[in-house]
Amino acid sequence: MVSTKGRYALRVMLDLAEHADEGFIPLKDIALRQEVSKKYLEIIVRDLVGGKLIRGSSGKGGGYRLCRRPQDYTVGEIIELTEGTLAPIACLAADAGNCPRKDRCKTLPFWHEFDTMVHDFFYSRRLSDLLSAQADEPATVK
Protein backbone atom coordinates (compact mmCIF):
# COMPACT_ATOMS: atom_id res chain seq x y z
CA MET A 1 0.00 0.00 0.00
CA VAL A 2 1.26 3.47 -0.84
CA SER A 3 1.15 5.74 2.19
CA THR A 4 0.32 9.43 2.32
CA LYS A 5 4.06 10.14 2.12
CA GLY A 6 4.32 8.52 -1.31
CA ARG A 7 1.06 10.03 -2.54
CA TYR A 8 2.00 13.52 -1.36
CA ALA A 9 5.48 13.20 -2.87
CA LEU A 10 3.84 12.54 -6.21
CA ARG A 11 1.58 15.56 -5.71
CA VAL A 12 4.59 17.76 -4.86
CA MET A 13 6.35 16.60 -8.01
CA LEU A 14 3.24 17.31 -10.10
CA ASP A 15 2.86 20.73 -8.53
CA LEU A 16 6.49 21.57 -9.31
CA ALA A 17 6.02 20.35 -12.88
CA GLU A 18 2.90 22.48 -13.32
CA HIS A 19 4.75 25.56 -12.07
CA ALA A 20 8.17 24.82 -13.60
CA ASP A 21 8.23 28.06 -15.57
CA GLU A 22 8.01 30.05 -12.31
CA GLY A 23 11.48 29.05 -11.08
CA PHE A 24 11.89 27.99 -7.45
CA ILE A 25 8.49 27.43 -5.83
CA PRO A 26 8.09 28.21 -2.10
CA LEU A 27 6.97 25.23 -0.05
CA LYS A 28 4.19 27.29 1.52
CA ASP A 29 2.67 27.76 -1.95
CA ILE A 30 2.80 24.02 -2.64
CA ALA A 31 1.30 23.26 0.78
CA LEU A 32 -1.54 25.69 0.17
CA ARG A 33 -2.35 24.37 -3.31
CA GLN A 34 -2.09 20.73 -2.24
CA GLU A 35 -3.92 21.23 1.08
CA VAL A 36 -1.14 19.48 3.00
CA SER A 37 0.67 20.83 6.05
CA LYS A 38 3.94 22.59 5.28
CA LYS A 39 5.57 20.71 8.15
CA TYR A 40 4.72 17.33 6.61
CA LEU A 41 5.88 18.48 3.18
CA GLU A 42 9.23 19.52 4.70
CA ILE A 43 9.88 15.85 5.50
CA ILE A 44 8.88 14.79 1.99
CA VAL A 45 10.93 17.39 0.12
CA ARG A 46 13.97 16.49 2.23
CA ASP A 47 13.73 12.98 0.77
CA LEU A 48 13.15 14.30 -2.75
CA VAL A 49 16.17 16.60 -2.49
CA GLY A 50 18.28 13.81 -1.00
CA GLY A 51 17.26 11.55 -3.87
CA LYS A 52 18.24 14.28 -6.34
CA LEU A 53 14.74 14.50 -7.80
CA ILE A 54 14.34 18.17 -6.87
CA ARG A 55 16.60 21.10 -5.94
CA GLY A 56 16.10 23.46 -3.07
CA SER A 57 17.20 27.05 -2.69
CA SER A 58 16.94 29.09 0.49
CA GLY A 59 16.53 32.80 0.99
CA LYS A 60 14.56 35.36 -0.97
CA GLY A 61 13.20 33.77 -4.13
CA GLY A 62 13.95 30.32 -2.73
CA GLY A 63 11.91 27.18 -2.82
CA TYR A 64 12.02 23.99 -4.85
CA ARG A 65 12.13 22.98 -8.49
CA LEU A 66 12.52 19.84 -10.55
CA CYS A 67 16.02 18.72 -11.55
CA ARG A 68 14.80 17.21 -14.82
CA ARG A 69 11.97 17.52 -17.28
CA PRO A 70 8.66 15.88 -16.22
CA GLN A 71 9.01 13.22 -18.95
CA ASP A 72 12.34 12.18 -17.42
CA TYR A 73 10.78 11.03 -14.11
CA THR A 74 8.97 7.75 -13.63
CA VAL A 75 6.23 7.43 -11.05
CA GLY A 76 8.06 4.32 -9.81
CA GLU A 77 11.22 6.18 -8.88
CA ILE A 78 9.24 8.81 -6.96
CA ILE A 79 7.20 6.21 -5.07
CA GLU A 80 10.19 3.98 -4.30
CA LEU A 81 12.28 6.90 -3.09
CA THR A 82 9.65 7.87 -0.54
CA GLU A 83 8.13 4.47 0.25
CA GLY A 84 11.00 2.06 -0.17
CA THR A 85 10.80 -1.09 -2.24
CA LEU A 86 7.65 -1.92 -4.13
CA ALA A 87 8.37 -5.63 -3.74
CA PRO A 88 5.35 -7.41 -2.22
CA ILE A 89 7.51 -9.84 -0.22
CA ALA A 90 10.91 -9.47 1.41
CA CYS A 91 12.69 -12.10 -0.68
CA LEU A 92 12.00 -10.10 -3.88
CA ALA A 93 13.44 -6.82 -2.57
CA ALA A 94 16.64 -5.67 -4.27
CA ASP A 95 18.64 -6.01 -1.06
CA ALA A 96 17.23 -9.43 -0.13
CA GLY A 97 19.65 -12.16 0.69
CA ASN A 98 19.46 -15.64 -0.77
CA CYS A 99 16.30 -17.34 0.45
CA PRO A 100 16.93 -20.95 1.48
CA ARG A 101 13.45 -21.94 0.21
CA LYS A 102 13.83 -20.27 -3.19
CA ASP A 103 14.23 -23.52 -5.16
CA ARG A 104 11.20 -25.20 -3.59
CA CYS A 105 8.90 -22.27 -2.85
CA LYS A 106 5.63 -22.91 -4.65
CA THR A 107 4.36 -19.35 -4.12
CA LEU A 108 7.46 -17.50 -5.38
CA PRO A 109 6.40 -17.53 -9.07
CA PHE A 110 3.05 -16.00 -8.05
CA TRP A 111 4.74 -13.22 -6.06
CA HIS A 112 7.30 -12.66 -8.78
CA GLU A 113 4.56 -12.20 -11.38
CA PHE A 114 2.73 -9.75 -9.10
CA ASP A 115 5.98 -7.87 -8.42
CA THR A 116 6.64 -7.56 -12.14
CA MET A 117 3.13 -6.20 -12.78
CA VAL A 118 3.47 -3.58 -10.03
CA HIS A 119 6.96 -2.58 -11.14
CA ASP A 120 5.95 -2.33 -14.80
CA PHE A 121 2.85 -0.32 -13.92
CA PHE A 122 4.69 2.34 -11.89
CA TYR A 123 7.80 2.48 -14.03
CA SER A 124 5.89 2.76 -17.31
CA ARG A 125 4.18 5.95 -16.16
CA ARG A 126 5.99 9.26 -16.27
CA LEU A 127 5.32 12.45 -14.37
CA SER A 128 4.41 14.05 -17.71
CA ASP A 129 1.72 11.36 -18.21
CA LEU A 130 0.05 12.43 -14.98
CA LEU A 131 0.23 16.07 -16.03
CA SER A 132 -1.54 15.19 -19.27
CA ALA A 133 -4.19 13.14 -17.47
CA GLN A 134 -4.70 15.94 -14.97
CA ALA A 135 -5.30 18.43 -17.80
CA ASP A 136 -8.03 16.16 -19.17
CA GLU A 137 -9.95 15.96 -15.87
CA PRO A 138 -12.87 18.23 -15.03
CA ALA A 139 -11.87 21.11 -12.73
CA THR A 140 -14.04 19.77 -9.89
CA VAL A 141 -12.19 16.44 -9.58
CA LYS A 142 -9.51 16.31 -6.87
C-alpha atoms as a PDB file:
ATOM      1  CA  MET A   1       0.000   0.000   0.000  1.00  0.00           C
ATOM      2  CA  VAL A   2       1.260   3.467  -0.845  1.00  0.00           C
ATOM      3  CA  SER A   3       1.150   5.736   2.195  1.00  0.00           C
ATOM      4  CA  THR A   4       0.324   9.434   2.321  1.00  0.00           C
ATOM      5  CA  LYS A   5       4.060  10.139   2.121  1.00  0.00           C
ATOM      6  CA  GLY A   6       4.321   8.523  -1.313  1.00  0.00           C
ATOM      7  CA  ARG A   7       1.058  10.034  -2.536  1.00  0.00           C
ATOM      8  CA  TYR A   8       2.000  13.515  -1.360  1.00  0.00           C
ATOM      9  CA  ALA A   9       5.482  13.204  -2.868  1.00  0.00           C
ATOM     10  CA  LEU A  10       3.843  12.543  -6.210  1.00  0.00           C
ATOM     11  CA  ARG A  11       1.579  15.563  -5.706  1.00  0.00           C
ATOM     12  CA  VAL A  12       4.588  17.756  -4.861  1.00  0.00           C
ATOM     13  CA  MET A  13       6.349  16.604  -8.008  1.00  0.00           C
ATOM     14  CA  LEU A  14       3.239  17.308 -10.101  1.00  0.00           C
ATOM     15  CA  ASP A  15       2.862  20.735  -8.527  1.00  0.00           C
ATOM     16  CA  LEU A  16       6.491  21.572  -9.307  1.00  0.00           C
ATOM     17  CA  ALA A  17       6.024  20.351 -12.884  1.00  0.00           C
ATOM     18  CA  GLU A  18       2.904  22.483 -13.324  1.00  0.00           C
ATOM     19  CA  HIS A  19       4.754  25.564 -12.075  1.00  0.00           C
ATOM     20  CA  ALA A  20       8.174  24.823 -13.601  1.00  0.00           C
ATOM     21  CA  ASP A  21       8.229  28.061 -15.565  1.00  0.00           C
ATOM     22  CA  GLU A  22       8.009  30.048 -12.312  1.00  0.00           C
ATOM     23  CA  GLY A  23      11.484  29.050 -11.075  1.00  0.00           C
ATOM     24  CA  PHE A  24      11.895  27.987  -7.449  1.00  0.00           C
ATOM     25  CA  ILE A  25       8.490  27.426  -5.827  1.00  0.00           C
ATOM     26  CA  PRO A  26       8.086  28.214  -2.102  1.00  0.00           C
ATOM     27  CA  LEU A  27       6.970  25.231  -0.046  1.00  0.00           C
ATOM     28  CA  LYS A  28       4.193  27.286   1.523  1.00  0.00           C
ATOM     29  CA  ASP A  29       2.665  27.758  -1.948  1.00  0.00           C
ATOM     30  CA  ILE A  30       2.797  24.017  -2.640  1.00  0.00           C
ATOM     31  CA  ALA A  31       1.299  23.259   0.782  1.00  0.00           C
ATOM     32  CA  LEU A  32      -1.540  25.695   0.168  1.00  0.00           C
ATOM     33  CA  ARG A  33      -2.353  24.369  -3.310  1.00  0.00           C
ATOM     34  CA  GLN A  34      -2.092  20.729  -2.238  1.00  0.00           C
ATOM     35  CA  GLU A  35      -3.915  21.235   1.075  1.00  0.00           C
ATOM     36  CA  VAL A  36      -1.139  19.476   3.000  1.00  0.00           C
ATOM     37  CA  SER A  37       0.668  20.829   6.045  1.00  0.00           C
ATOM     38  CA  LYS A  38       3.939  22.586   5.278  1.00  0.00           C
ATOM     39  CA  LYS A  39       5.570  20.706   8.155  1.00  0.00           C
ATOM     40  CA  TYR A  40       4.716  17.327   6.607  1.00  0.00           C
ATOM     41  CA  LEU A  41       5.884  18.482   3.184  1.00  0.00           C
ATOM     42  CA  GLU A  42       9.233  19.518   4.704  1.00  0.00           C
ATOM     43  CA  ILE A  43       9.882  15.855   5.499  1.00  0.00           C
ATOM     44  CA  ILE A  44       8.880  14.786   1.994  1.00  0.00           C
ATOM     45  CA  VAL A  45      10.929  17.388   0.124  1.00  0.00           C
ATOM     46  CA  ARG A  46      13.970  16.489   2.232  1.00  0.00           C
ATOM     47  CA  ASP A  47      13.731  12.976   0.770  1.00  0.00           C
ATOM     48  CA  LEU A  48      13.154  14.301  -2.748  1.00  0.00           C
ATOM     49  CA  VAL A  49      16.174  16.605  -2.495  1.00  0.00           C
ATOM     50  CA  GLY A  50      18.284  13.805  -1.001  1.00  0.00           C
ATOM     51  CA  GLY A  51      17.260  11.546  -3.872  1.00  0.00           C
ATOM     52  CA  LYS A  52      18.239  14.279  -6.344  1.00  0.00           C
ATOM     53  CA  LEU A  53      14.738  14.501  -7.800  1.00  0.00           C
ATOM     54  CA  ILE A  54      14.336  18.170  -6.866  1.00  0.00           C
ATOM     55  CA  ARG A  55      16.600  21.099  -5.943  1.00  0.00           C
ATOM     56  CA  GLY A  56      16.100  23.457  -3.069  1.00  0.00           C
ATOM     57  CA  SER A  57      17.200  27.047  -2.689  1.00  0.00           C
ATOM     58  CA  SER A  58      16.943  29.092   0.490  1.00  0.00           C
ATOM     59  CA  GLY A  59      16.529  32.805   0.990  1.00  0.00           C
ATOM     60  CA  LYS A  60      14.556  35.363  -0.968  1.00  0.00           C
ATOM     61  CA  GLY A  61      13.199  33.768  -4.126  1.00  0.00           C
ATOM     62  CA  GLY A  62      13.945  30.322  -2.729  1.00  0.00           C
ATOM     63  CA  GLY A  63      11.911  27.184  -2.816  1.00  0.00           C
ATOM     64  CA  TYR A  64      12.021  23.986  -4.847  1.00  0.00           C
ATOM     65  CA  ARG A  65      12.133  22.981  -8.486  1.00  0.00           C
ATOM     66  CA  LEU A  66      12.522  19.842 -10.554  1.00  0.00           C
ATOM     67  CA  CYS A  67      16.021  18.717 -11.545  1.00  0.00           C
ATOM     68  CA  ARG A  68      14.804  17.214 -14.817  1.00  0.00           C
ATOM     69  CA  ARG A  69      11.971  17.520 -17.278  1.00  0.00           C
ATOM     70  CA  PRO A  70       8.660  15.885 -16.221  1.00  0.00           C
ATOM     71  CA  GLN A  71       9.014  13.222 -18.945  1.00  0.00           C
ATOM     72  CA  ASP A  72      12.344  12.176 -17.415  1.00  0.00           C
ATOM     73  CA  TYR A  73      10.785  11.029 -14.112  1.00  0.00           C
ATOM     74  CA  THR A  74       8.968   7.751 -13.631  1.00  0.00           C
ATOM     75  CA  VAL A  75       6.229   7.429 -11.050  1.00  0.00           C
ATOM     76  CA  GLY A  76       8.060   4.322  -9.810  1.00  0.00           C
ATOM     77  CA  GLU A  77      11.225   6.182  -8.877  1.00  0.00           C
ATOM     78  CA  ILE A  78       9.237   8.806  -6.961  1.00  0.00           C
ATOM     79  CA  ILE A  79       7.198   6.213  -5.068  1.00  0.00           C
ATOM     80  CA  GLU A  80      10.187   3.983  -4.296  1.00  0.00           C
ATOM     81  CA  LEU A  81      12.283   6.902  -3.086  1.00  0.00           C
ATOM     82  CA  THR A  82       9.650   7.873  -0.537  1.00  0.00           C
ATOM     83  CA  GLU A  83       8.131   4.469   0.252  1.00  0.00           C
ATOM     84  CA  GLY A  84      11.003   2.064  -0.173  1.00  0.00           C
ATOM     85  CA  THR A  85      10.804  -1.088  -2.237  1.00  0.00           C
ATOM     86  CA  LEU A  86       7.647  -1.917  -4.135  1.00  0.00           C
ATOM     87  CA  ALA A  87       8.372  -5.635  -3.736  1.00  0.00           C
ATOM     88  CA  PRO A  88       5.351  -7.409  -2.217  1.00  0.00           C
ATOM     89  CA  ILE A  89       7.505  -9.844  -0.221  1.00  0.00           C
ATOM     90  CA  ALA A  90      10.913  -9.470   1.411  1.00  0.00           C
ATOM     91  CA  CYS A  91      12.687 -12.097  -0.684  1.00  0.00           C
ATOM     92  CA  LEU A  92      12.001 -10.096  -3.879  1.00  0.00           C
ATOM     93  CA  ALA A  93      13.439  -6.825  -2.569  1.00  0.00           C
ATOM     94  CA  ALA A  94      16.642  -5.667  -4.275  1.00  0.00           C
ATOM     95  CA  ASP A  95      18.637  -6.008  -1.059  1.00  0.00           C
ATOM     96  CA  ALA A  96      17.232  -9.429  -0.129  1.00  0.00           C
ATOM     97  CA  GLY A  97      19.654 -12.163   0.692  1.00  0.00           C
ATOM     98  CA  ASN A  98      19.462 -15.639  -0.768  1.00  0.00           C
ATOM     99  CA  CYS A  99      16.301 -17.345   0.451  1.00  0.00           C
ATOM    100  CA  PRO A 100      16.927 -20.953   1.481  1.00  0.00           C
ATOM    101  CA  ARG A 101      13.455 -21.936   0.209  1.00  0.00           C
ATOM    102  CA  LYS A 102      13.825 -20.267  -3.193  1.00  0.00           C
ATOM    103  CA  ASP A 103      14.228 -23.517  -5.156  1.00  0.00           C
ATOM    104  CA  ARG A 104      11.203 -25.199  -3.586  1.00  0.00           C
ATOM    105  CA  CYS A 105       8.895 -22.270  -2.846  1.00  0.00           C
ATOM    106  CA  LYS A 106       5.630 -22.907  -4.649  1.00  0.00           C
ATOM    107  CA  THR A 107       4.363 -19.347  -4.117  1.00  0.00           C
ATOM    108  CA  LEU A 108       7.459 -17.499  -5.381  1.00  0.00           C
ATOM    109  CA  PRO A 109       6.400 -17.534  -9.068  1.00  0.00           C
ATOM    110  CA  PHE A 110       3.053 -16.004  -8.052  1.00  0.00           C
ATOM    111  CA  TRP A 111       4.738 -13.222  -6.060  1.00  0.00           C
ATOM    112  CA  HIS A 112       7.296 -12.657  -8.782  1.00  0.00           C
ATOM    113  CA  GLU A 113       4.555 -12.199 -11.379  1.00  0.00           C
ATOM    114  CA  PHE A 114       2.726  -9.752  -9.101  1.00  0.00           C
ATOM    115  CA  ASP A 115       5.984  -7.869  -8.416  1.00  0.00           C
ATOM    116  CA  THR A 116       6.636  -7.556 -12.144  1.00  0.00           C
ATOM    117  CA  MET A 117       3.132  -6.203 -12.775  1.00  0.00           C
ATOM    118  CA  VAL A 118       3.468  -3.582 -10.029  1.00  0.00           C
ATOM    119  CA  HIS A 119       6.955  -2.582 -11.137  1.00  0.00           C
ATOM    120  CA  ASP A 120       5.954  -2.325 -14.799  1.00  0.00           C
ATOM    121  CA  PHE A 121       2.846  -0.320 -13.920  1.00  0.00           C
ATOM    122  CA  PHE A 122       4.685   2.335 -11.892  1.00  0.00           C
ATOM    123  CA  TYR A 123       7.800   2.480 -14.032  1.00  0.00           C
ATOM    124  CA  SER A 124       5.889   2.760 -17.312  1.00  0.00           C
ATOM    125  CA  ARG A 125       4.185   5.954 -16.162  1.00  0.00           C
ATOM    126  CA  ARG A 126       5.985   9.262 -16.268  1.00  0.00           C
ATOM    127  CA  LEU A 127       5.321  12.452 -14.372  1.00  0.00           C
ATOM    128  CA  SER A 128       4.408  14.048 -17.707  1.00  0.00           C
ATOM    129  CA  ASP A 129       1.715  11.363 -18.212  1.00  0.00           C
ATOM    130  CA  LEU A 130       0.053  12.434 -14.977  1.00  0.00           C
ATOM    131  CA  LEU A 131       0.234  16.073 -16.029  1.00  0.00           C
ATOM    132  CA  SER A 132      -1.540  15.193 -19.273  1.00  0.00           C
ATOM    133  CA  ALA A 133      -4.187  13.139 -17.469  1.00  0.00           C
ATOM    134  CA  GLN A 134      -4.696  15.942 -14.975  1.00  0.00           C
ATOM    135  CA  ALA A 135      -5.296  18.430 -17.797  1.00  0.00           C
ATOM    136  CA  ASP A 136      -8.034  16.157 -19.172  1.00  0.00           C
ATOM    137  CA  GLU A 137      -9.950  15.959 -15.871  1.00  0.00           C
ATOM    138  CA  PRO A 138     -12.869  18.229 -15.034  1.00  0.00           C
ATOM    139  CA  ALA A 139     -11.872  21.111 -12.732  1.00  0.00           C
ATOM    140  CA  THR A 140     -14.043  19.769  -9.887  1.00  0.00           C
ATOM    141  CA  VAL A 141     -12.189  16.436  -9.578  1.00  0.00           C
ATOM    142  CA  LYS A 142      -9.507  16.309  -6.872  1.00  0.00           C
END
